[in-house]
């Protein structure tokens, strides 16, 4: 499948995806791509070993998912 994004757009998406502090929600606001689409771009554009390294790095990473980050920052709830 050929990329429908320019080289500059792909570069920007990859940069945002690698940044620890840029959440997928922010990437969506800036580029219009949801997390699944970002993963597809990364899979298509990176070497397989680089893609695996990136996926391992961002999987479950609190700072890549706003909901997880907010939950993490608020600390454990009394109900838990």
Protein backbone atom coordinates (compact mmCIF):
# COMPACT_ATOMS: atom_id res chain seq x y z
CA UNK A 1 0.00 0.00 0.00
CA UNK A 2 1.51 3.31 -1.08
CA UNK A 3 1.61 6.13 1.44
CA UNK A 4 -0.85 8.95 0.79
CA UNK A 5 1.26 11.30 2.91
CA UNK A 6 4.08 13.53 1.79
CA UNK A 7 7.62 12.86 2.99
CA UNK A 8 7.32 15.84 5.35
CA UNK A 9 4.05 14.54 6.81
CA UNK A 10 5.48 11.05 7.34
CA UNK A 11 8.55 12.54 8.99
CA UNK A 12 6.38 14.60 11.33
CA UNK A 13 4.16 11.62 12.23
CA UNK A 14 7.22 9.50 13.01
CA UNK A 15 8.73 12.28 15.12
CA UNK A 16 5.54 12.71 17.14
CA UNK A 17 5.20 8.94 17.58
CA UNK A 18 8.76 8.60 18.94
CA UNK A 19 8.40 11.52 21.36
CA UNK A 20 7.60 10.21 24.83
CA UNK A 21 5.59 13.23 25.90
CA UNK A 22 3.41 13.51 22.78
CA UNK A 23 0.25 11.50 23.46
CA UNK A 24 -1.68 9.73 20.74
CA UNK A 25 -4.50 12.17 21.43
CA UNK A 26 -2.17 15.09 20.64
CA UNK A 27 -0.98 13.32 17.49
CA UNK A 28 -4.62 12.96 16.45
CA UNK A 29 -5.25 16.67 17.05
CA UNK A 30 -2.17 17.68 15.05
CA UNK A 31 -2.38 15.19 12.19
CA UNK A 32 -5.92 13.80 12.21
CA UNK A 33 -4.60 10.24 12.61
CA UNK A 34 -5.90 7.99 15.38
CA UNK A 35 -3.54 5.61 17.20
CA UNK A 36 -4.29 2.69 14.85
CA UNK A 37 -3.38 4.82 11.82
CA UNK A 38 -0.15 6.02 13.48
CA UNK A 39 0.79 2.38 14.10
CA UNK A 40 0.09 1.58 10.43
CA UNK A 41 2.33 4.46 9.27
CA UNK A 42 5.09 3.39 11.64
CA UNK A 43 4.83 -0.25 10.49
CA UNK A 44 4.98 0.79 6.84
CA UNK A 45 7.75 3.38 7.12
CA UNK A 46 10.16 1.90 9.68
CA UNK A 47 12.44 -1.08 9.33
CA UNK A 48 10.88 -4.12 11.02
CA UNK A 49 13.37 -4.05 13.90
CA UNK A 50 12.81 -0.32 14.45
CA UNK A 51 9.04 -0.83 14.43
CA UNK A 52 9.29 -3.61 17.02
CA UNK A 53 11.52 -1.43 19.20
CA UNK A 54 9.04 1.47 18.95
CA UNK A 55 6.02 -0.76 19.74
CA UNK A 56 7.78 -2.21 22.75
CA UNK A 57 8.67 1.30 23.90
CA UNK A 58 5.16 2.79 23.61
CA UNK A 59 3.07 -0.23 24.64
CA UNK A 60 1.54 0.66 27.96
CA UNK A 61 3.69 3.78 28.25
CA UNK A 62 1.77 6.14 30.49
CA UNK A 63 2.88 9.29 28.65
CA UNK A 64 1.60 8.10 25.24
CA UNK A 65 -2.00 7.70 26.41
CA UNK A 66 -3.69 10.69 28.03
CA UNK A 67 -6.11 8.53 30.04
CA UNK A 68 -3.29 6.45 31.52
CA UNK A 69 -1.28 9.58 32.27
CA UNK A 70 -4.18 11.27 34.05
CA UNK A 71 -4.86 8.12 36.06
CA UNK A 72 -1.15 7.82 36.91
CA UNK A 73 -0.85 11.46 37.98
CA UNK A 74 -3.97 11.33 40.14
CA UNK A 75 -2.50 8.42 42.11
CA UNK A 76 -4.36 5.46 43.56
CA UNK A 77 -7.98 6.08 44.38
CA UNK A 78 -9.41 5.40 47.83
CA UNK A 79 -11.85 2.92 46.29
CA UNK A 80 -9.06 0.65 45.03
